[in-house]
Protein backbone atom coordinates (compact mmCIF):
# COMPACT_ATOMS: atom_id res chain seq x y z
CA UNK A 1 20.70 -34.36 93.58
CA UNK A 2 18.11 -36.81 95.09
CA UNK A 3 18.20 -38.83 91.82
CA UNK A 4 22.22 -38.69 92.06
CA UNK A 5 21.80 -40.08 95.59
CA UNK A 6 19.60 -42.64 94.47
CA UNK A 7 21.80 -43.95 91.63
CA UNK A 8 24.82 -43.94 93.75
CA UNK A 9 23.06 -46.04 96.21
CA UNK A 10 21.68 -48.48 93.49
CA UNK A 11 25.07 -48.71 92.39
CA UNK A 12 26.41 -49.51 95.55
CA UNK A 13 23.68 -52.04 96.12
CA UNK A 14 24.79 -53.77 92.87
CA UNK A 15 28.70 -53.63 93.32
CA UNK A 16 29.46 -53.91 96.75
CA UNK A 17 28.40 -57.64 97.61
CA UNK A 18 30.84 -59.13 95.23
CA UNK A 19 33.87 -57.32 96.82
CA UNK A 20 32.49 -58.29 100.49
CA UNK A 21 31.73 -61.89 99.12
CA UNK A 22 34.09 -65.28 99.71
CA UNK A 23 35.73 -64.03 96.43
CA UNK A 24 36.75 -60.86 98.00
CA UNK A 25 40.31 -61.47 98.43
CA UNK A 26 40.82 -62.33 94.45
CA UNK A 27 38.46 -59.73 93.41
CA UNK A 28 40.23 -56.99 95.21
CA UNK A 29 43.99 -58.23 94.29
CA UNK A 30 42.64 -57.97 90.78
CA UNK A 31 41.10 -54.71 91.06
CA UNK A 32 44.09 -53.53 92.88
CA UNK A 33 46.79 -54.66 90.23
CA UNK A 34 44.49 -53.15 87.58
CA UNK A 35 44.22 -49.79 89.37
CA UNK A 36 48.17 -49.65 90.08
CA UNK A 37 48.70 -50.48 86.01
CA UNK A 38 46.36 -47.65 85.30
CA UNK A 39 48.28 -45.52 87.57
CA UNK A 40 51.27 -46.30 86.06
CA UNK A 41 50.13 -45.72 82.44
CA UNK A 42 49.43 -42.15 83.51
CA UNK A 43 52.83 -41.97 84.93
CA UNK A 44 53.95 -42.95 81.62
CA UNK A 45 52.34 -40.46 79.90
CA UNK A 46 53.69 -37.67 82.00
CA UNK A 47 57.14 -39.10 81.32
CA UNK A 48 55.94 -38.67 77.49
CA UNK A 49 54.91 -35.36 77.94
CA UNK A 50 58.54 -34.27 78.89
CA UNK A 51 59.84 -36.20 76.18
CA UNK A 52 57.71 -33.92 73.82
CA UNK A 53 59.70 -30.84 74.82
CA UNK A 54 63.17 -32.67 74.49
CA UNK A 55 62.39 -34.01 71.00
CA UNK A 56 61.19 -31.12 69.34
CA UNK A 57 63.81 -28.91 70.82
CA UNK A 58 66.02 -31.42 69.17
CA UNK A 59 64.58 -31.11 65.86
CA UNK A 60 64.59 -27.30 66.10
CA UNK A 61 68.31 -27.25 66.77
CA UNK A 62 68.70 -29.77 64.10
CA UNK A 63 70.90 -31.97 66.89
CA UNK A 64 70.94 -35.35 64.99
CA UNK A 65 72.54 -37.39 68.03
CA UNK A 66 69.92 -35.97 70.39
CA UNK A 67 67.03 -36.83 68.00
CA UNK A 68 68.13 -40.44 67.48
CA UNK A 69 68.88 -40.70 71.48
CA UNK A 70 65.14 -39.21 71.98
CA UNK A 71 63.80 -41.85 69.43
CA UNK A 72 65.64 -44.62 71.13
CA UNK A 73 63.88 -43.69 74.53
CA UNK A 74 60.63 -43.40 72.87
CA UNK A 75 60.76 -46.81 71.76
CA UNK A 76 61.59 -48.29 75.18
CA UNK A 77 58.87 -46.15 76.55
CA UNK A 78 56.54 -47.36 74.06
CA UNK A 79 57.33 -50.77 74.59
CA UNK A 80 57.03 -50.48 78.30
CA UNK A 81 53.46 -48.89 77.45
CA UNK A 82 52.30 -51.48 75.15
CA UNK A 83 53.19 -54.33 77.70
CA UNK A 84 51.52 -52.66 80.53
CA UNK A 85 48.44 -51.92 78.78
CA UNK A 86 47.89 -55.58 77.38
CA UNK A 87 48.54 -56.75 80.67
CA UNK A 88 46.08 -54.39 82.08
CA UNK A 89 43.33 -55.40 79.55
CA UNK A 90 44.00 -59.27 80.40
CA UNK A 91 43.63 -58.74 84.04
CA UNK A 92 40.36 -56.22 83.43
CA UNK A 93 38.50 -59.05 81.17
CA UNK A 94 39.90 -61.68 83.70
CA UNK A 95 37.97 -59.70 86.75
CA UNK A 96 34.96 -59.01 84.16
CA UNK A 97 34.57 -62.67 83.71
CA UNK A 98 34.91 -63.58 87.42
CA UNK A 99 32.24 -60.68 88.48
CA UNK A 100 29.83 -61.74 86.03
CA UNK A 101 29.87 -65.51 86.86
CA UNK A 102 29.37 -64.62 90.37
CA UNK A 103 26.68 -62.04 89.63
CA UNK A 104 24.84 -64.58 87.26
CA UNK A 105 25.00 -67.30 90.00
CA UNK A 106 23.49 -64.86 92.64
CA UNK A 107 20.56 -63.58 90.23
CA UNK A 108 20.11 -67.08 88.99
CA UNK A 109 19.56 -68.60 92.76
CA UNK A 110 17.79 -65.43 93.85
CA UNK A 111 15.47 -65.81 90.68
CA UNK A 112 14.72 -69.42 91.23
CA UNK A 113 14.45 -69.32 95.00
CA UNK A 114 10.80 -69.74 96.38
CA UNK A 115 9.97 -70.23 92.75
CA UNK A 116 10.09 -66.46 92.04
CA UNK A 117 10.76 -67.38 88.27
CA UNK A 118 7.08 -68.60 88.07
CA UNK A 119 5.93 -65.84 90.22
CA UNK A 120 6.73 -63.26 88.32
CA UNK A 121 4.70 -64.33 85.58
CA UNK A 122 1.48 -64.42 87.51
CA UNK A 123 1.33 -60.64 88.36
CA UNK A 124 2.67 -57.41 87.34
CA UNK A 125 5.96 -57.24 89.38
CA UNK A 126 7.22 -54.11 87.25
CA UNK A 127 9.80 -56.33 85.26
CA UNK A 128 10.09 -57.61 81.96
CA UNK A 129 12.46 -60.40 80.18
CA UNK A 130 14.14 -61.76 83.08
CA UNK A 131 16.36 -63.51 80.77
CA UNK A 132 17.83 -60.79 79.23
CA UNK A 133 18.61 -59.12 82.54
CA UNK A 134 20.40 -62.02 83.38
CA UNK A 135 22.32 -62.83 80.38
CA UNK A 136 22.76 -59.14 79.01
CA UNK A 137 22.30 -56.61 81.45
CA UNK A 138 24.66 -58.47 83.89
CA UNK A 139 27.51 -58.56 81.38
CA UNK A 140 26.92 -54.99 80.11
CA UNK A 141 26.58 -53.90 83.99
CA UNK A 142 30.08 -55.48 84.81
CA UNK A 143 31.80 -54.16 81.51
CA UNK A 144 30.29 -50.52 81.84
CA UNK A 145 31.19 -50.15 85.48
CA UNK A 146 34.67 -51.19 85.38
CA UNK A 147 35.41 -49.39 82.04
CA UNK A 148 33.72 -46.16 83.25
CA UNK A 149 35.17 -46.18 86.91
CA UNK A 150 38.61 -46.99 85.84
CA UNK A 151 38.12 -44.17 83.03
CA UNK A 152 37.04 -41.82 85.44
CA UNK A 153 39.89 -42.64 87.85
CA UNK A 154 42.38 -42.23 84.94
CA UNK A 155 40.90 -38.69 84.15
CA UNK A 156 41.55 -37.79 87.52
CA UNK A 157 44.71 -38.91 88.18
CA UNK A 158 45.67 -37.41 84.52
CA UNK A 159 44.25 -34.07 85.40
CA UNK A 160 46.12 -33.99 88.83
CA UNK A 161 49.54 -34.75 87.09
CA UNK A 162 49.11 -32.64 84.27
CA UNK A 163 47.51 -29.44 85.97
CA UNK A 164 50.59 -28.65 87.81
CA UNK A 165 52.65 -29.28 84.65
CA UNK A 166 50.25 -27.00 82.47
CA UNK A 167 50.00 -24.19 85.41
CA UNK A 168 54.02 -24.29 85.56
CA UNK A 169 54.23 -23.88 81.99
CA UNK A 170 51.59 -21.18 81.41
CA UNK A 171 52.46 -19.22 84.63
CA UNK A 172 53.57 -16.21 82.76
CA UNK A 173 51.26 -16.17 79.74
CA UNK A 174 48.89 -13.05 79.21
CA UNK A 175 45.41 -13.51 78.97
CA UNK A 176 43.80 -10.97 76.55
CA UNK A 177 40.13 -9.97 76.99
CA UNK A 178 38.39 -7.05 75.02
CA UNK A 179 41.86 -5.85 74.30
CA UNK A 180 43.40 -5.64 77.68
CA UNK A 181 46.03 -8.35 78.79
CA UNK A 182 45.84 -10.07 82.42
CA UNK A 183 48.51 -11.89 83.91
CA UNK A 184 46.38 -14.86 85.49
CA UNK A 185 48.82 -17.41 87.10
CA UNK A 186 48.19 -20.89 85.27
CA UNK A 187 45.62 -18.91 82.53
CA UNK A 188 45.98 -22.10 80.22
CA UNK A 189 44.80 -24.28 83.12
CA UNK A 190 41.76 -22.34 83.89
CA UNK A 191 40.80 -21.88 80.32
CA UNK A 192 40.58 -25.53 80.02
CA UNK A 193 38.58 -25.81 83.21
CA UNK A 194 36.22 -23.56 82.29
CA UNK A 195 35.85 -24.89 78.70
CA UNK A 196 35.60 -28.32 79.88
CA UNK A 197 32.89 -27.33 82.40
CA UNK A 198 30.62 -25.52 80.08
CA UNK A 199 30.80 -28.35 77.53
CA UNK A 200 30.21 -30.78 80.12
CA UNK A 201 27.05 -28.78 81.20
CA UNK A 202 25.97 -28.42 77.27
CA UNK A 203 26.43 -32.27 77.06
CA UNK A 204 24.04 -33.45 79.83
CA UNK A 205 21.56 -30.93 78.81
CA UNK A 206 21.57 -32.36 75.01
CA UNK A 207 22.10 -36.17 76.13
CA UNK A 208 19.73 -36.65 79.18
CA UNK A 209 16.83 -38.35 77.02
CA UNK A 210 19.52 -41.04 76.17
CA UNK A 211 18.98 -42.50 79.47
CA UNK A 212 15.29 -43.18 79.13
CA UNK A 213 15.64 -44.23 75.20
CA UNK A 214 18.32 -46.67 76.05
CA UNK A 215 16.41 -48.23 78.67
CA UNK A 216 13.27 -48.58 76.46
CA UNK A 217 15.57 -49.98 73.61
CA UNK A 218 16.67 -52.65 75.49
CA UNK A 219 12.96 -53.36 76.24
CA UNK A 220 11.93 -53.67 72.90
CA UNK A 221 14.98 -55.46 71.78
CA UNK A 222 14.16 -58.31 74.19
CA UNK A 223 10.41 -58.53 73.20
CA UNK A 224 11.35 -58.89 69.87
CA UNK A 225 13.61 -61.63 70.48
CA UNK A 226 11.25 -63.24 72.70
CA UNK A 227 8.45 -63.69 70.28
CA UNK A 228 11.13 -65.01 67.67
CA UNK A 229 11.97 -67.63 70.46
CA UNK A 230 8.03 -68.37 70.78
CA UNK A 231 7.22 -68.33 67.30
CA UNK A 232 10.24 -71.05 66.79
CA UNK A 233 9.02 -73.18 69.83
CA UNK A 234 5.69 -73.24 68.19
CA UNK A 235 6.48 -73.42 64.60
CA UNK A 236 4.21 -76.64 64.41
CA UNK A 237 0.95 -74.52 66.07
CA UNK A 238 1.60 -71.61 63.75
CA UNK A 239 2.24 -74.16 60.58
CA UNK A 240 -0.98 -75.72 61.07
CA UNK A 241 -3.13 -72.59 61.36
CA UNK A 242 -1.00 -71.59 58.54
CA UNK A 243 -0.61 -68.35 60.67
CA UNK A 244 2.45 -67.19 58.91
CA UNK A 245 1.08 -63.73 57.92
CA UNK A 246 -0.46 -63.07 61.39
CA UNK A 247 2.86 -63.85 63.04
CA UNK A 248 4.97 -61.84 60.45
CA UNK A 249 2.70 -58.83 60.98
CA UNK A 250 3.02 -59.26 64.78
CA UNK A 251 6.79 -59.65 64.70
CA UNK A 252 7.06 -56.93 62.27
CA UNK A 253 4.88 -54.75 64.90
CA UNK A 254 7.57 -55.67 67.34
CA UNK A 255 10.45 -54.57 65.15
CA UNK A 256 8.59 -51.30 64.58
CA UNK A 257 8.95 -50.59 68.26
CA UNK A 258 12.39 -51.12 68.02
CA UNK A 259 12.80 -48.82 64.62
CA UNK A 260 10.74 -45.95 66.28
CA UNK A 261 13.13 -45.93 69.35
CA UNK A 262 16.22 -46.11 67.51
CA UNK A 263 15.35 -43.14 65.30
CA UNK A 264 14.58 -41.26 68.58
CA UNK A 265 18.15 -42.13 69.69
CA UNK A 266 19.64 -41.48 66.25
CA UNK A 267 17.94 -37.92 66.54
CA UNK A 268 19.48 -37.08 69.91
CA UNK A 269 22.69 -38.92 69.35
CA UNK A 270 23.19 -36.82 66.32
CA UNK A 271 22.53 -33.70 68.22
CA UNK A 272 24.92 -34.89 70.71
CA UNK A 273 27.67 -35.66 68.36
CA UNK A 274 27.34 -32.50 66.66
CA UNK A 275 28.17 -30.79 69.75
CA UNK A 276 30.92 -33.29 71.10
CA UNK A 277 32.62 -33.28 67.53
CA UNK A 278 32.99 -29.45 67.52
CA UNK A 279 33.93 -29.28 71.14
CA UNK A 280 36.91 -31.81 70.43
CA UNK A 281 37.84 -29.88 66.88
CA UNK A 282 38.02 -26.54 68.48
CA UNK A 283 40.35 -27.63 71.25
CA UNK A 284 43.04 -28.97 68.72
CA UNK A 285 44.21 -25.52 67.76
CA UNK A 286 43.20 -23.88 71.25
CA UNK A 287 46.48 -24.05 72.77
CA UNK A 288 48.46 -23.26 69.75
CA UNK A 289 46.61 -19.96 69.55
CA UNK A 290 47.60 -18.98 73.03
CA UNK A 291 51.16 -20.15 72.94
CA UNK A 292 52.14 -19.20 69.62
CA UNK A 293 52.54 -15.42 70.52
CA UNK A 294 55.27 -16.66 73.14
CA UNK A 295 56.88 -18.80 70.41
CA UNK A 296 56.90 -15.96 67.99
CA UNK A 297 58.57 -13.54 70.39
CA UNK A 298 61.12 -15.78 71.62
CA UNK A 299 59.97 -16.44 75.31
CA UNK A 300 59.76 -20.18 74.71
CA UNK A 301 61.24 -22.82 71.85
CA UNK A 302 58.93 -25.21 69.76
CA UNK A 303 59.74 -28.00 72.37
CA UNK A 304 58.27 -25.86 74.92
CA UNK A 305 55.15 -25.11 72.90
CA UNK A 306 54.58 -28.88 72.02
CA UNK A 307 54.94 -29.74 75.71
CA UNK A 308 52.28 -27.17 76.56
CA UNK A 309 49.82 -28.30 73.95
CA UNK A 310 50.38 -31.89 75.11
CA UNK A 311 49.86 -30.86 78.85
CA UNK A 312 46.88 -28.88 77.64
CA UNK A 313 45.35 -31.61 75.65
CA UNK A 314 45.85 -34.09 78.58
CA UNK A 315 43.90 -32.04 80.94
CA UNK A 316 41.43 -31.32 78.23
CA UNK A 317 40.76 -34.86 77.92
CA UNK A 318 40.64 -35.76 81.65
CA UNK A 319 38.10 -32.97 82.22
CA UNK A 320 35.94 -33.90 79.03
CA UNK A 321 35.77 -37.53 80.37
CA UNK A 322 31.92 -36.66 80.99
CA UNK A 323 31.55 -35.49 77.44
CA UNK A 324 33.06 -38.23 75.73
CA UNK A 325 31.63 -40.95 77.80
CA UNK A 326 27.89 -39.42 77.90
CA UNK A 327 26.72 -41.86 75.51
CA UNK A 328 28.11 -44.85 77.58
CA UNK A 329 27.01 -43.48 80.93
CA UNK A 330 23.51 -43.19 79.55
CA UNK A 331 23.29 -46.88 78.49
CA UNK A 332 25.00 -47.64 81.83
CA UNK A 333 22.45 -45.59 83.93
CA UNK A 334 19.71 -47.35 82.08
CA UNK A 335 21.35 -50.92 82.69
CA UNK A 336 21.71 -49.93 86.34
CA UNK A 337 17.82 -49.43 86.52
CA UNK A 338 16.88 -52.58 85.05
CA UNK A 339 18.58 -54.76 87.12
CA UNK A 340 17.70 -52.75 90.36
CA UNK A 341 14.39 -53.01 89.17
CA UNK A 342 14.39 -56.68 88.30
CA UNK A 343 15.97 -56.99 91.84
CA UNK A 344 12.95 -55.46 93.64
CA UNK A 345 10.70 -57.39 91.28
CA UNK A 346 12.13 -60.56 92.58
CA UNK A 347 12.16 -59.16 96.57
CA UNK A 348 8.17 -58.74 95.74
CA UNK A 349 7.43 -62.02 94.39
CA UNK A 350 9.36 -63.38 97.36
CA UNK A 351 7.42 -61.60 99.68
CA UNK A 352 4.24 -63.93 98.51
CA UNK A 353 5.75 -66.48 100.60
CA UNK A 354 4.27 -69.82 100.16
CA UNK A 355 4.18 -70.48 104.18
CA UNK A 356 1.01 -68.60 103.75
CA UNK A 357 -0.91 -71.82 102.80
CA UNK A 358 1.63 -74.38 104.11
CA UNK A 359 2.11 -76.31 107.33
CA UNK A 360 3.70 -79.26 108.78
CA UNK A 361 1.42 -82.18 109.74
CA UNK A 362 1.22 -83.61 113.25
CA UNK A 363 4.08 -85.62 114.07
CA UNK A 364 3.69 -88.99 112.97
CA UNK A 365 0.58 -88.36 110.63
CA UNK A 366 0.30 -89.92 107.21
CA UNK A 367 -2.51 -88.12 105.98
CA UNK A 368 -2.77 -85.43 103.50
CA UNK A 369 -4.94 -82.61 104.81
CA UNK A 370 -6.51 -79.53 103.04
CA UNK A 371 -8.08 -77.31 105.34
CA UNK A 372 -9.93 -74.10 105.07
CA UNK A 373 -7.80 -72.87 101.85
CA UNK A 374 -9.15 -70.25 99.79
CA UNK A 375 -7.67 -69.67 96.71
CA UNK A 376 -7.86 -66.46 94.46
CA UNK A 377 -6.55 -65.28 91.03
CA UNK A 378 -3.57 -62.81 91.33
CA UNK A 379 -6.14 -59.97 90.86
CA UNK A 380 -7.93 -61.00 93.95
CA UNK A 381 -10.80 -62.72 92.71
CA UNK A 382 -12.21 -65.73 94.91
CA UNK A 383 -11.64 -68.99 93.00
CA UNK A 384 -11.75 -71.96 95.14
CA UNK A 385 -12.62 -73.03 98.73
CA UNK A 386 -11.65 -76.34 99.64
CA UNK A 387 -11.47 -78.85 102.68
CA UNK A 388 -10.43 -82.53 102.50
CA UNK A 389 -8.40 -85.41 103.58
CA UNK A 390 -6.64 -88.33 101.69
CA UNK A 391 -4.84 -91.21 103.56
CA UNK A 392 -1.74 -92.78 102.18
CA UNK A 393 -2.64 -95.19 99.69
CA UNK A 394 -5.81 -93.90 98.91
CA UNK A 395 -5.98 -92.63 95.41
CA UNK A 396 -8.20 -89.85 94.34
CA UNK A 397 -9.55 -88.53 91.38
CA UNK A 398 -10.67 -84.81 91.16
CA UNK A 399 -13.33 -83.69 88.66
CA UNK A 400 -15.08 -80.55 87.89
CA UNK A 401 -15.57 -78.36 85.25
CA UNK A 402 -13.27 -76.46 83.09
CA UNK A 403 -12.17 -73.12 84.96
CA UNK A 404 -13.31 -74.24 88.41
CA UNK A 405 -9.74 -74.23 89.73
CA UNK A 406 -8.46 -78.00 89.74
CA UNK A 407 -4.87 -76.98 88.38
CA UNK A 408 -4.75 -74.18 90.44
CA UNK A 409 -5.49 -76.47 93.45
CA UNK A 410 -2.57 -78.54 92.17
CA UNK A 411 -0.17 -75.32 91.94
CA UNK A 412 -1.15 -74.57 95.72
CA UNK A 413 -0.36 -78.10 97.00
CA UNK A 414 3.11 -77.69 94.78
CA UNK A 415 3.78 -74.75 96.70
CA UNK A 416 3.94 -72.58 93.73
CA UNK A 417 0.53 -70.58 94.02
CA UNK A 418 0.93 -67.92 96.27
CA UNK A 419 -2.60 -66.22 96.32
CA UNK A 420 -4.60 -67.35 99.12
CA UNK A 421 -4.90 -68.54 102.66
CA UNK A 422 -5.58 -71.47 104.61
CA UNK A 423 -3.76 -74.90 105.46
CA UNK A 424 -2.25 -77.77 103.67
CA UNK A 425 -0.88 -80.41 105.62
CA UNK A 426 1.56 -82.59 103.92
CA UNK A 427 2.38 -85.96 105.44
CA UNK A 428 5.10 -85.71 107.95
CA UNK A 429 7.46 -88.09 106.53
CA UNK A 430 6.88 -86.47 103.21
CA UNK A 431 9.99 -84.18 103.26
CA UNK A 432 12.07 -87.64 103.20
CA UNK A 433 9.75 -89.19 100.48
CA UNK A 434 9.55 -88.05 96.84
CA UNK A 435 6.59 -85.93 95.52
CA UNK A 436 6.19 -85.88 91.67
CA UNK A 437 3.95 -83.50 89.77
CA UNK A 438 2.90 -84.36 86.05
CA UNK A 439 1.36 -81.65 84.26
CA UNK A 440 -0.60 -81.36 81.28
CA UNK A 441 2.37 -80.02 79.40
CA UNK A 442 5.29 -81.67 80.25
CA UNK A 443 8.81 -79.96 80.11
CA UNK A 444 11.85 -81.81 78.81
CA UNK A 445 15.17 -79.97 78.89
CA UNK A 446 17.30 -79.79 75.87
CA UNK A 447 20.12 -82.61 76.28
CA UNK A 448 20.36 -86.47 76.48
CA UNK A 449 17.34 -88.56 76.72
CA UNK A 450 18.66 -90.06 79.79
CA UNK A 451 18.68 -86.23 81.42
CA UNK A 452 15.23 -85.88 80.09
CA UNK A 453 13.84 -89.22 81.63
CA UNK A 454 15.84 -88.54 85.02
CA UNK A 455 14.69 -84.87 85.28
CA UNK A 456 14.19 -83.47 87.82
CA UNK A 457 16.91 -85.61 89.56
CA UNK A 458 20.42 -85.26 87.84
CA UNK A 459 21.50 -86.91 85.25
CA UNK A 460 23.29 -90.07 86.04
CA UNK A 461 21.45 -90.71 89.34
CA UNK A 462 19.33 -93.29 88.04
CA UNK A 463 20.67 -96.58 86.37
CA UNK A 464 20.15 -97.38 83.00
CA UNK A 465 18.25 -100.48 83.04
CA UNK A 466 15.67 -98.78 85.01
CA UNK A 467 15.60 -95.90 82.63
CA UNK A 468 15.05 -98.59 79.45
CA UNK A 469 12.70 -100.50 81.63
CA UNK A 470 10.45 -97.14 82.37
CA UNK A 471 10.65 -96.12 78.74
CA UNK A 472 9.43 -99.70 77.66
CA UNK A 473 6.73 -99.60 80.31
CA UNK A 474 5.31 -96.08 79.10
CA UNK A 475 4.98 -97.41 75.22
CA UNK A 476 8.42 -95.62 74.04
CA UNK A 477 10.23 -98.85 73.09
CA UNK A 478 11.69 -97.21 70.30
CA UNK A 479 13.43 -94.97 72.47
CA UNK A 480 15.12 -97.33 74.74
CA UNK A 481 18.61 -97.25 72.75
CA UNK A 482 18.53 -93.59 72.60
CA UNK A 483 19.68 -92.51 76.26
CA UNK A 484 22.94 -91.14 75.01
CA UNK A 485 21.38 -88.94 72.04
CA UNK A 486 21.24 -85.35 72.73
CA UNK A 487 18.08 -83.54 70.99
CA UNK A 488 15.52 -80.88 71.63
CA UNK A 489 13.12 -83.44 72.75
CA UNK A 490 10.33 -81.01 73.62
CA UNK A 491 10.38 -80.34 69.99
CA UNK A 492 11.12 -83.74 68.42
CA UNK A 493 8.01 -85.74 70.42
CA UNK A 494 4.42 -85.61 69.92
CA UNK A 495 2.17 -84.52 72.68
CA UNK A 496 1.16 -87.91 73.55
CA UNK A 497 4.76 -88.90 73.59
CA UNK A 498 5.78 -86.18 75.63
CA UNK A 499 3.25 -87.22 78.21
CA UNK A 500 4.09 -90.88 78.04
CA UNK A 501 7.94 -89.76 78.61
CA UNK A 502 6.58 -87.91 81.66
CA UNK A 503 5.11 -91.18 83.11
CA UNK A 504 8.24 -93.03 82.23
CA UNK A 505 9.89 -90.41 84.76
CA UNK A 506 7.27 -91.67 87.62
CA UNK A 507 7.95 -95.27 86.77
CA UNK A 508 11.85 -94.66 87.19
CA UNK A 509 12.00 -92.28 90.02
CA UNK A 510 8.99 -94.21 92.09
CA UNK A 511 7.70 -91.21 93.79
CA UNK A 512 5.60 -91.93 97.28
CA UNK A 513 3.03 -89.17 96.00
CA UNK A 514 2.32 -88.85 92.55
CA UNK A 515 0.16 -85.80 90.92
CA UNK A 516 -1.33 -86.10 87.36
CA UNK A 517 -2.80 -82.92 86.13
CA UNK A 518 -4.66 -84.02 83.23
CA UNK A 519 -1.24 -85.80 82.10
CA UNK A 520 -2.85 -88.21 79.94
CA UNK A 521 -5.15 -86.07 78.18
CA UNK A 522 -3.18 -86.32 74.70
CA UNK A 523 -3.62 -90.18 74.35
CA UNK A 524 -6.31 -92.29 73.34
CA UNK A 525 -8.27 -94.08 76.03
CA UNK A 526 -6.66 -97.60 75.58
CA UNK A 527 -3.21 -95.94 76.08
CA UNK A 528 -4.48 -94.24 79.02
CA UNK A 529 -6.00 -97.39 80.60
CA UNK A 530 -2.70 -99.40 79.97
CA UNK A 531 -0.55 -96.45 81.37
CA UNK A 532 -3.01 -96.15 84.60
CA UNK A 533 -2.40 -100.04 84.81
CA UNK A 534 1.14 -100.09 84.48
CA UNK A 535 1.20 -97.20 87.43
CA UNK A 536 -0.98 -99.29 89.75
CA UNK A 537 1.61 -102.36 88.95
CA UNK A 538 4.67 -100.92 89.47
CA UNK A 539 4.50 -98.39 91.89
CA UNK A 540 2.46 -100.24 94.63
CA UNK A 541 3.43 -98.08 97.35
CA UNK A 542 2.79 -94.70 95.23
CA UNK A 543 -0.25 -92.51 96.38
CA UNK A 544 -1.75 -91.40 92.94
CA UNK A 545 -3.94 -88.25 92.62
CA UNK A 546 -5.23 -87.32 89.23
CA UNK A 547 -7.06 -84.33 87.51
CA UNK A 548 -8.98 -85.88 84.69
CA UNK A 549 -12.34 -85.07 82.68
CA UNK A 550 -12.72 -88.98 81.29
CA UNK A 551 -15.01 -91.14 83.32
CA UNK A 552 -12.72 -94.34 82.31
CA UNK A 553 -10.32 -92.68 84.82
CA UNK A 554 -12.71 -93.58 87.85
CA UNK A 555 -11.82 -97.25 87.66
CA UNK A 556 -8.31 -96.55 88.83
CA UNK A 557 -9.08 -94.41 91.88
CA UNK A 558 -10.79 -95.43 94.99
CA UNK A 559 -12.12 -91.72 95.37
CA UNK A 560 -13.89 -89.11 93.53
CA UNK A 561 -13.39 -85.33 94.58
CA UNK A 562 -15.77 -83.14 92.86
CA UNK A 563 -15.24 -79.14 92.45
CA UNK A 564 -18.96 -77.77 92.64
CA UNK A 565 -19.29 -74.24 91.14
CA UNK A 566 -21.69 -72.44 93.07
CA UNK A 567 -23.71 -69.45 91.98
CA UNK A 568 -21.02 -66.70 92.60
CA UNK A 569 -18.64 -68.59 90.40
CA UNK A 570 -16.47 -69.87 93.18
CA UNK A 571 -15.75 -73.88 93.44
CA UNK A 572 -16.03 -75.74 96.29
CA UNK A 573 -14.96 -78.80 98.22
CA UNK A 574 -16.59 -79.54 101.22
CA UNK A 575 -14.92 -80.83 104.09
CA UNK A 576 -15.47 -84.55 105.03
């Protein structure tokens, strides 16, 4: 009972926000029409049930005019049924895409808010493959939620509609048990209820492990797909190492997880299908066996028997919803658990607020200050203690041994490293100014070269003349006339070219503060020297703060800040 209540709370938390959102009237209107059409379809099946009696009576009595009249009636009924079913399908699909679009925007926004997408990679928050959860799990959730809930509603309404019919039709049927006959009101209805109730309990007992198996299947499928994408993105590195055998072994190992879990699903679904198939086959002849005695005795005609069979089948279908939908329910439950755990992981990531180590500077201050900053690794291991001050226009080079925490310091300054405490005072006017961070491995989106150079600003926000000049200044003259060309520039350009493209961004966007984390490490010293000279010339109002190991960089910075590692392995920048 507790698990069921928890599941309903999770379902409500995922479902309710859309129908309370700014799109609620459109969503509720669509849902209302879909429900109305669904109920009308049930009404048409009730009308069809009455038609069975008249049609088979006409056959039994060899009444040709009545036969053709009923054929004509059925044709009209079928035309209406088809039209309503098609309209309901179209509106259902429309509601699905609207709901999925709203959920996608919401989850994307929350995933990116406070840089949760980055923080989820820093520590174990109990989630995996966020891309799959947004792209696939949301789609499956919307489709399954509408399909299953409308199916359940259809079953409930069908049961209510046909239970009364079956009760009336089977009111005088005797029920034989151990050679004794009992007059049980609505005997066939009670038989259908008991039969389906027992079937549902057995189905749940057999199919319960499918929930965890489906949950794991989604995970191993996503892991395999992720590693395939990662292999493709690092194709050059693998090729240079001739690491195909190692990669193939790893990928086949990933697929082995898929294979093993799939085999477990096959075994479980075989057991479930064996029971469900037997359950559904037995019910085909069951109402005939119950009613054929009345037909042979003359108590009812063939049309009456066929109406009873039809009504019994409808009641059995309604009560067997759980049995027939169990596999889909197992997948749906696993889907909801994945989305719920993903949302919880985002909330935990947001709890590590960047405000812990960020403060606004004093009004009018143009200084950049780090005070009593203590950074640690995600597991809590101390990494860096720092206190220093930089004035606007005072270019600085941060040096230190590998692993001393230089890049982590930059991440903390950028507000993406949540593990630590202390104070980072950005200049008071900085929010209205531009700040740009250039990492050692630049990110370049797939698209036009114009978008690549303009990033992270929106394409079109910088004029083409500025972009062409920036590319030329960054020694990328060969790309100047390719601004409209679309490509995967991350794969097309070499490491040095990507770093030069990042420098072109800085030249085009003209930030007031520019942070370079070994952003020229893939270049030779001559190219590095030329680009720093261009940065100093073209961006006279920009304060440049660099991380680097080459002594040649000192000539382009007024100060050097060195991270010294103490005996306990913690790096330190002393206060000045």
